Amino acid sequence: PEGAAQFVASVEDEMRAFSQPYAHVSWLNAT
């Protein structure tokens, strides 16, 4: 259970870090 919580926290950190540059690239590509 503790490892699962660590995994989820790590995933959310990774996705949050990726989301912003990806969002800006996607906005640029659309506009």
PDB file of all heavy atoms in Angstrom:
ATOM      1  N   PRO A   1       0.812  -1.223   0.000  1.00  0.00           N
ATOM      2  CA  PRO A   1       0.000   0.000   0.000  1.00  0.00           C
ATOM      3  C   PRO A   1       0.842   1.269   0.000  1.00  0.00           C
ATOM      4  O   PRO A   1       0.517   2.240  -0.685  1.00  0.00           O
ATOM      5  CB  PRO A   1      -0.831  -0.134   1.280  1.00  0.00           C
ATOM      6  CG  PRO A   1      -0.959  -1.611   1.487  1.00  0.00           C
ATOM      7  CD  PRO A   1       0.360  -2.184   1.040  1.00  0.00           C
ATOM      8  N   GLU A   2       1.934   1.251   0.754  1.00  0.00           N
ATOM      9  CA  GLU A   2       2.810   2.424   0.798  1.00  0.00           C
ATOM     10  C   GLU A   2       3.500   2.640  -0.545  1.00  0.00           C
ATOM     11  O   GLU A   2       3.626   3.772  -1.029  1.00  0.00           O
ATOM     12  CB  GLU A   2       3.859   2.265   1.904  1.00  0.00           C
ATOM     13  CG  GLU A   2       3.298   2.226   3.314  1.00  0.00           C
ATOM     14  CD  GLU A   2       2.659   0.879   3.658  1.00  0.00           C
ATOM     15  OE1 GLU A   2       2.898  -0.123   2.930  1.00  0.00           O
ATOM     16  OE2 GLU A   2       1.887   0.838   4.644  1.00  0.00           O
ATOM     17  N   GLY A   3       3.944   1.527  -1.165  1.00  0.00           N
ATOM     18  CA  GLY A   3       4.581   1.636  -2.464  1.00  0.00           C
ATOM     19  C   GLY A   3       3.618   2.143  -3.519  1.00  0.00           C
ATOM     20  O   GLY A   3       3.991   2.935  -4.399  1.00  0.00           O
ATOM     21  N   ALA A   4       2.361   1.704  -3.440  1.00  0.00           N
ATOM     22  CA  ALA A   4       1.361   2.175  -4.396  1.00  0.00           C
ATOM     23  C   ALA A   4       1.149   3.673  -4.257  1.00  0.00           C
ATOM     24  O   ALA A   4       1.027   4.396  -5.257  1.00  0.00           O
ATOM     25  CB  ALA A   4       0.040   1.435  -4.176  1.00  0.00           C
ATOM     26  N   ALA A   5       1.112   4.157  -3.001  1.00  0.00           N
ATOM     27  CA  ALA A   5       0.951   5.592  -2.778  1.00  0.00           C
ATOM     28  C   ALA A   5       2.140   6.357  -3.334  1.00  0.00           C
ATOM     29  O   ALA A   5       1.991   7.438  -3.931  1.00  0.00           O
ATOM     30  CB  ALA A   5       0.779   5.869  -1.288  1.00  0.00           C
ATOM     31  N   GLN A   6       3.349   5.811  -3.157  1.00  0.00           N
ATOM     32  CA  GLN A   6       4.543   6.465  -3.695  1.00  0.00           C
ATOM     33  C   GLN A   6       4.502   6.492  -5.220  1.00  0.00           C
ATOM     34  O   GLN A   6       4.879   7.492  -5.856  1.00  0.00           O
ATOM     35  CB  GLN A   6       5.791   5.726  -3.210  1.00  0.00           C
ATOM     36  CG  GLN A   6       6.040   5.847  -1.719  1.00  0.00           C
ATOM     37  CD  GLN A   6       7.151   4.911  -1.242  1.00  0.00           C
ATOM     38  OE1 GLN A   6       7.479   3.938  -1.913  1.00  0.00           O
ATOM     39  NE2 GLN A   6       7.710   5.209  -0.084  1.00  0.00           N
ATOM     40  N   PHE A   7       4.064   5.389  -5.806  1.00  0.00           N
ATOM     41  CA  PHE A   7       3.968   5.318  -7.262  1.00  0.00           C
ATOM     42  C   PHE A   7       3.006   6.381  -7.793  1.00  0.00           C
ATOM     43  O   PHE A   7       3.325   7.122  -8.733  1.00  0.00           O
ATOM     44  CB  PHE A   7       3.494   3.921  -7.678  1.00  0.00           C
ATOM     45  CG  PHE A   7       3.014   3.837  -9.102  1.00  0.00           C
ATOM     46  CD1 PHE A   7       3.907   3.903 -10.157  1.00  0.00           C
ATOM     47  CD2 PHE A   7       1.655   3.695  -9.387  1.00  0.00           C
ATOM     48  CE1 PHE A   7       3.459   3.835 -11.476  1.00  0.00           C
ATOM     49  CE2 PHE A   7       1.199   3.623 -10.698  1.00  0.00           C
ATOM     50  CZ  PHE A   7       2.108   3.697 -11.744  1.00  0.00           C
ATOM     51  N   VAL A   8       1.826   6.477  -7.188  1.00  0.00           N
ATOM     52  CA  VAL A   8       0.831   7.443  -7.653  1.00  0.00           C
ATOM     53  C   VAL A   8       1.360   8.866  -7.507  1.00  0.00           C
ATOM     54  O   VAL A   8       1.204   9.699  -8.414  1.00  0.00           O
ATOM     55  CB  VAL A   8      -0.491   7.259  -6.880  1.00  0.00           C
ATOM     56  CG1 VAL A   8      -1.412   8.456  -7.109  1.00  0.00           C
ATOM     57  CG2 VAL A   8      -1.187   5.979  -7.310  1.00  0.00           C
ATOM     58  N   ALA A   9       2.004   9.159  -6.382  1.00  0.00           N
ATOM     59  CA  ALA A   9       2.544  10.508  -6.176  1.00  0.00           C
ATOM     60  C   ALA A   9       3.597  10.832  -7.230  1.00  0.00           C
ATOM     61  O   ALA A   9       3.649  11.951  -7.762  1.00  0.00           O
ATOM     62  CB  ALA A   9       3.131  10.622  -4.771  1.00  0.00           C
ATOM     63  N   SER A  10       4.443   9.847  -7.540  1.00  0.00           N
ATOM     64  CA  SER A  10       5.478  10.064  -8.544  1.00  0.00           C
ATOM     65  C   SER A  10       4.869  10.298  -9.925  1.00  0.00           C
ATOM     66  O   SER A  10       5.320  11.161 -10.683  1.00  0.00           O
ATOM     67  CB  SER A  10       6.420   8.858  -8.576  1.00  0.00           C
ATOM     68  OG  SER A  10       7.432   9.031  -9.537  1.00  0.00           O
ATOM     69  N   VAL A  11       3.835   9.535 -10.250  1.00  0.00           N
ATOM     70  CA  VAL A  11       3.153   9.693 -11.541  1.00  0.00           C
ATOM     71  C   VAL A  11       2.560  11.095 -11.658  1.00  0.00           C
ATOM     72  O   VAL A  11       2.713  11.772 -12.689  1.00  0.00           O
ATOM     73  CB  VAL A  11       2.050   8.634 -11.701  1.00  0.00           C
ATOM     74  CG1 VAL A  11       1.134   8.974 -12.870  1.00  0.00           C
ATOM     75  CG2 VAL A  11       2.661   7.257 -11.902  1.00  0.00           C
ATOM     76  N   GLU A  12       1.884  11.545 -10.596  1.00  0.00           N
ATOM     77  CA  GLU A  12       1.270  12.866 -10.661  1.00  0.00           C
ATOM     78  C   GLU A  12       2.309  13.969 -10.816  1.00  0.00           C
ATOM     79  O   GLU A  12       2.108  14.940 -11.552  1.00  0.00           O
ATOM     80  CB  GLU A  12       0.392  13.105  -9.437  1.00  0.00           C
ATOM     81  CG  GLU A  12      -0.851  12.222  -9.418  1.00  0.00           C
ATOM     82  CD  GLU A  12      -1.886  12.660  -8.411  1.00  0.00           C
ATOM     83  OE1 GLU A  12      -1.655  12.441  -7.210  1.00  0.00           O
ATOM     84  OE2 GLU A  12      -2.915  13.229  -8.820  1.00  0.00           O
ATOM     85  N   ASP A  13       3.444  13.822 -10.132  1.00  0.00           N
ATOM     86  CA  ASP A  13       4.528  14.799 -10.297  1.00  0.00           C
ATOM     87  C   ASP A  13       5.031  14.803 -11.738  1.00  0.00           C
ATOM     88  O   ASP A  13       5.275  15.865 -12.324  1.00  0.00           O
ATOM     89  CB  ASP A  13       5.684  14.472  -9.348  1.00  0.00           C
ATOM     90  CG  ASP A  13       5.363  14.789  -7.892  1.00  0.00           C
ATOM     91  OD1 ASP A  13       4.371  15.515  -7.645  1.00  0.00           O
ATOM     92  OD2 ASP A  13       6.087  14.297  -7.005  1.00  0.00           O
ATOM     93  N   GLU A  14       5.202  13.613 -12.298  1.00  0.00           N
ATOM     94  CA  GLU A  14       5.716  13.498 -13.661  1.00  0.00           C
ATOM     95  C   GLU A  14       4.736  14.115 -14.668  1.00  0.00           C
ATOM     96  O   GLU A  14       5.130  14.841 -15.593  1.00  0.00           O
ATOM     97  CB  GLU A  14       5.929  12.023 -13.996  1.00  0.00           C
ATOM     98  CG  GLU A  14       6.731  11.773 -15.255  1.00  0.00           C
ATOM     99  CD  GLU A  14       8.224  11.935 -15.040  1.00  0.00           C
ATOM    100  OE1 GLU A  14       8.713  11.625 -13.944  1.00  0.00           O
ATOM    101  OE2 GLU A  14       8.901  12.384 -15.981  1.00  0.00           O
ATOM    102  N   MET A  15       3.483  13.825 -14.485  1.00  0.00           N
ATOM    103  CA  MET A  15       2.490  14.343 -15.415  1.00  0.00           C
ATOM    104  C   MET A  15       2.331  15.856 -15.298  1.00  0.00           C
ATOM    105  O   MET A  15       2.186  16.554 -16.299  1.00  0.00           O
ATOM    106  CB  MET A  15       1.146  13.652 -15.186  1.00  0.00           C
ATOM    107  CG  MET A  15       1.157  12.188 -15.584  1.00  0.00           C
ATOM    108  SD  MET A  15      -0.503  11.471 -15.632  1.00  0.00           S
ATOM    109  CE  MET A  15      -1.000  11.652 -13.945  1.00  0.00           C
ATOM    110  N   ARG A  16       2.375  16.351 -14.076  1.00  0.00           N
ATOM    111  CA  ARG A  16       2.249  17.796 -13.894  1.00  0.00           C
ATOM    112  C   ARG A  16       3.410  18.511 -14.580  1.00  0.00           C
ATOM    113  O   ARG A  16       3.221  19.534 -15.242  1.00  0.00           O
ATOM    114  CB  ARG A  16       2.206  18.152 -12.406  1.00  0.00           C
ATOM    115  CG  ARG A  16       1.893  19.631 -12.145  1.00  0.00           C
ATOM    116  CD  ARG A  16       1.848  19.914 -10.653  1.00  0.00           C
ATOM    117  NE  ARG A  16       0.732  19.277 -10.004  1.00  0.00           N
ATOM    118  CZ  ARG A  16      -0.500  19.764  -9.963  1.00  0.00           C
ATOM    119  NH1 ARG A  16      -0.779  20.902 -10.581  1.00  0.00           N
ATOM    120  NH2 ARG A  16      -1.455  19.135  -9.325  1.00  0.00           N
ATOM    121  N   ALA A  17       4.623  17.970 -14.412  1.00  0.00           N
ATOM    122  CA  ALA A  17       5.795  18.586 -15.037  1.00  0.00           C
ATOM    123  C   ALA A  17       5.690  18.548 -16.560  1.00  0.00           C
ATOM    124  O   ALA A  17       6.100  19.490 -17.247  1.00  0.00           O
ATOM    125  CB  ALA A  17       7.064  17.881 -14.569  1.00  0.00           C
ATOM    126  N   PHE A  18       5.143  17.461 -17.096  1.00  0.00           N
ATOM    127  CA  PHE A  18       5.026  17.325 -18.554  1.00  0.00           C
ATOM    128  C   PHE A  18       3.891  18.177 -19.112  1.00  0.00           C
ATOM    129  O   PHE A  18       3.958  18.656 -20.260  1.00  0.00           O
ATOM    130  CB  PHE A  18       4.792  15.854 -18.912  1.00  0.00           C
ATOM    131  CG  PHE A  18       4.695  15.589 -20.383  1.00  0.00           C
ATOM    132  CD1 PHE A  18       5.840  15.527 -21.177  1.00  0.00           C
ATOM    133  CD2 PHE A  18       3.466  15.398 -21.001  1.00  0.00           C
ATOM    134  CE1 PHE A  18       5.756  15.277 -22.536  1.00  0.00           C
ATOM    135  CE2 PHE A  18       3.368  15.153 -22.363  1.00  0.00           C
ATOM    136  CZ  PHE A  18       4.519  15.091 -23.128  1.00  0.00           C
ATOM    137  N   SER A  19       2.865  18.374 -18.328  1.00  0.00           N
ATOM    138  CA  SER A  19       1.640  18.976 -18.865  1.00  0.00           C
ATOM    139  C   SER A  19       1.834  20.403 -19.339  1.00  0.00           C
ATOM    140  O   SER A  19       1.246  20.809 -20.348  1.00  0.00           O
ATOM    141  CB  SER A  19       0.523  18.928 -17.818  1.00  0.00           C
ATOM    142  OG  SER A  19       0.785  19.812 -16.742  1.00  0.00           O
ATOM    143  N   GLN A  20       2.643  21.182 -18.639  1.00  0.00           N
ATOM    144  CA  GLN A  20       2.747  22.588 -19.015  1.00  0.00           C
ATOM    145  C   GLN A  20       3.473  22.801 -20.342  1.00  0.00           C
ATOM    146  O   GLN A  20       2.950  23.492 -21.224  1.00  0.00           O
ATOM    147  CB  GLN A  20       3.386  23.401 -17.888  1.00  0.00           C
ATOM    148  CG  GLN A  20       2.454  23.562 -16.703  1.00  0.00           C
ATOM    149  CD  GLN A  20       2.881  24.663 -15.758  1.00  0.00           C
ATOM    150  OE1 GLN A  20       3.342  25.722 -16.173  1.00  0.00           O
ATOM    151  NE2 GLN A  20       2.742  24.406 -14.467  1.00  0.00           N
ATOM    152  N   PRO A  21       4.659  22.228 -20.537  1.00  0.00           N
ATOM    153  CA  PRO A  21       5.263  22.411 -21.864  1.00  0.00           C
ATOM    154  C   PRO A  21       4.418  21.810 -22.979  1.00  0.00           C
ATOM    155  O   PRO A  21       4.320  22.379 -24.068  1.00  0.00           O
ATOM    156  CB  PRO A  21       6.621  21.717 -21.748  1.00  0.00           C
ATOM    157  CG  PRO A  21       6.535  20.835 -20.549  1.00  0.00           C
ATOM    158  CD  PRO A  21       5.572  21.509 -19.628  1.00  0.00           C
ATOM    159  N   TYR A  22       3.792  20.674 -22.712  1.00  0.00           N
ATOM    160  CA  TYR A  22       2.932  20.057 -23.721  1.00  0.00           C
ATOM    161  C   TYR A  22       1.755  20.969 -24.051  1.00  0.00           C
ATOM    162  O   TYR A  22       1.355  21.127 -25.210  1.00  0.00           O
ATOM    163  CB  TYR A  22       2.453  18.699 -23.221  1.00  0.00           C
ATOM    164  CG  TYR A  22       1.626  17.905 -24.218  1.00  0.00           C
ATOM    165  CD1 TYR A  22       1.833  18.019 -25.584  1.00  0.00           C
ATOM    166  CD2 TYR A  22       0.651  17.021 -23.780  1.00  0.00           C
ATOM    167  CE1 TYR A  22       1.083  17.275 -26.493  1.00  0.00           C
ATOM    168  CE2 TYR A  22      -0.102  16.271 -24.675  1.00  0.00           C
ATOM    169  CZ  TYR A  22       0.119  16.409 -26.029  1.00  0.00           C
ATOM    170  OH  TYR A  22      -0.624  15.681 -26.932  1.00  0.00           O
ATOM    171  N   ALA A  23       1.179  21.596 -23.022  1.00  0.00           N
ATOM    172  CA  ALA A  23       0.050  22.499 -23.235  1.00  0.00           C
ATOM    173  C   ALA A  23       0.466  23.685 -24.102  1.00  0.00           C
ATOM    174  O   ALA A  23      -0.257  24.085 -25.025  1.00  0.00           O
ATOM    175  CB  ALA A  23      -0.492  22.987 -21.899  1.00  0.00           C
ATOM    176  N   HIS A  24       1.622  24.255 -23.822  1.00  0.00           N
ATOM    177  CA  HIS A  24       2.076  25.406 -24.601  1.00  0.00           C
ATOM    178  C   HIS A  24       2.400  25.007 -26.039  1.00  0.00           C
ATOM    179  O   HIS A  24       2.093  25.753 -26.983  1.00  0.00           O
ATOM    180  CB  HIS A  24       3.292  26.041 -23.926  1.00  0.00           C
ATOM    181  CG  HIS A  24       2.950  26.827 -22.698  1.00  0.00           C
ATOM    182  ND1 HIS A  24       2.338  28.056 -22.744  1.00  0.00           N
ATOM    183  CD2 HIS A  24       3.105  26.529 -21.378  1.00  0.00           C
ATOM    184  CE1 HIS A  24       2.139  28.497 -21.512  1.00  0.00           C
ATOM    185  NE2 HIS A  24       2.601  27.587 -20.665  1.00  0.00           N
ATOM    186  N   VAL A  25       2.995  23.844 -26.218  1.00  0.00           N
ATOM    187  CA  VAL A  25       3.261  23.363 -27.576  1.00  0.00           C
ATOM    188  C   VAL A  25       1.951  23.145 -28.321  1.00  0.00           C
ATOM    189  O   VAL A  25       1.818  23.511 -29.504  1.00  0.00           O
ATOM    190  CB  VAL A  25       4.099  22.065 -27.525  1.00  0.00           C
ATOM    191  CG1 VAL A  25       4.073  21.351 -28.882  1.00  0.00           C
ATOM    192  CG2 VAL A  25       5.533  22.371 -27.126  1.00  0.00           C
ATOM    193  N   SER A  26       0.975  22.569 -27.656  1.00  0.00           N
ATOM    194  CA  SER A  26      -0.311  22.297 -28.300  1.00  0.00           C
ATOM    195  C   SER A  26      -1.029  23.596 -28.649  1.00  0.00           C
ATOM    196  O   SER A  26      -1.646  23.710 -29.714  1.00  0.00           O
ATOM    197  CB  SER A  26      -1.185  21.439 -27.386  1.00  0.00           C
ATOM    198  OG  SER A  26      -0.567  20.195 -27.140  1.00  0.00           O
ATOM    199  N   TRP A  27      -0.965  24.568 -27.749  1.00  0.00           N
ATOM    200  CA  TRP A  27      -1.571  25.873 -28.037  1.00  0.00           C
ATOM    201  C   TRP A  27      -0.885  26.517 -29.245  1.00  0.00           C
ATOM    202  O   TRP A  27      -1.546  27.041 -30.145  1.00  0.00           O
ATOM    203  CB  TRP A  27      -1.476  26.783 -26.814  1.00  0.00           C
ATOM    204  CG  TRP A  27      -1.986  28.167 -27.076  1.00  0.00           C
ATOM    205  CD1 TRP A  27      -1.264  29.268 -27.445  1.00  0.00           C
ATOM    206  CD2 TRP A  27      -3.352  28.594 -27.010  1.00  0.00           C
ATOM    207  NE1 TRP A  27      -2.075  30.356 -27.610  1.00  0.00           N
ATOM    208  CE2 TRP A  27      -3.366  29.974 -27.352  1.00  0.00           C
ATOM    209  CE3 TRP A  27      -4.558  27.959 -26.714  1.00  0.00           C
ATOM    210  CZ2 TRP A  27      -4.555  30.718 -27.398  1.00  0.00           C
ATOM    211  CZ3 TRP A  27      -5.728  28.708 -26.745  1.00  0.00           C
ATOM    212  CH2 TRP A  27      -5.717  30.060 -27.085  1.00  0.00           C
ATOM    213  N   LEU A  28       0.430  26.482 -29.238  1.00  0.00           N
ATOM    214  CA  LEU A  28       1.184  27.053 -30.364  1.00  0.00           C
ATOM    215  C   LEU A  28       0.795  26.377 -31.669  1.00  0.00           C
ATOM    216  O   LEU A  28       0.560  27.042 -32.689  1.00  0.00           O
ATOM    217  CB  LEU A  28       2.683  26.896 -30.117  1.00  0.00           C
ATOM    218  CG  LEU A  28       3.621  27.367 -31.235  1.00  0.00           C
ATOM    219  CD1 LEU A  28       3.526  28.871 -31.417  1.00  0.00           C
ATOM    220  CD2 LEU A  28       5.063  26.951 -30.935  1.00  0.00           C
ATOM    221  N   ASN A  29       0.690  25.051 -31.649  1.00  0.00           N
ATOM    222  CA  ASN A  29       0.361  24.317 -32.864  1.00  0.00           C
ATOM    223  C   ASN A  29      -1.053  24.626 -33.348  1.00  0.00           C
ATOM    224  O   ASN A  29      -1.317  24.614 -34.549  1.00  0.00           O
ATOM    225  CB  ASN A  29       0.519  22.818 -32.613  1.00  0.00           C
ATOM    226  CG  ASN A  29       0.375  21.989 -33.869  1.00  0.00           C
ATOM    227  OD1 ASN A  29      -0.376  21.027 -33.908  1.00  0.00           O
ATOM    228  ND2 ASN A  29       1.085  22.349 -34.936  1.00  0.00           N
ATOM    229  N   ALA A  30      -1.962  24.916 -32.429  1.00  0.00           N
ATOM    230  CA  ALA A  30      -3.343  25.213 -32.812  1.00  0.00           C
ATOM    231  C   ALA A  30      -3.519  26.647 -33.301  1.00  0.00           C
ATOM    232  O   ALA A  30      -4.424  26.933 -34.084  1.00  0.00           O
ATOM    233  CB  ALA A  30      -4.280  24.957 -31.636  1.00  0.00           C
ATOM    234  N   THR A  31      -2.649  27.556 -32.842  1.00  0.00           N
ATOM    235  CA  THR A  31      -2.826  28.978 -33.165  1.00  0.00           C
ATOM    236  C   THR A  31      -1.746  29.522 -34.092  1.00  0.00           C
ATOM    237  O   THR A  31      -1.790  30.700 -34.453  1.00  0.00           O
ATOM    238  CB  THR A  31      -2.829  29.826 -31.874  1.00  0.00           C
ATOM    239  OG1 THR A  31      -1.574  29.650 -31.192  1.00  0.00           O
ATOM    240  CG2 THR A  31      -3.968  29.421 -30.957  1.00  0.00           C
TER     241      THR A  31
END
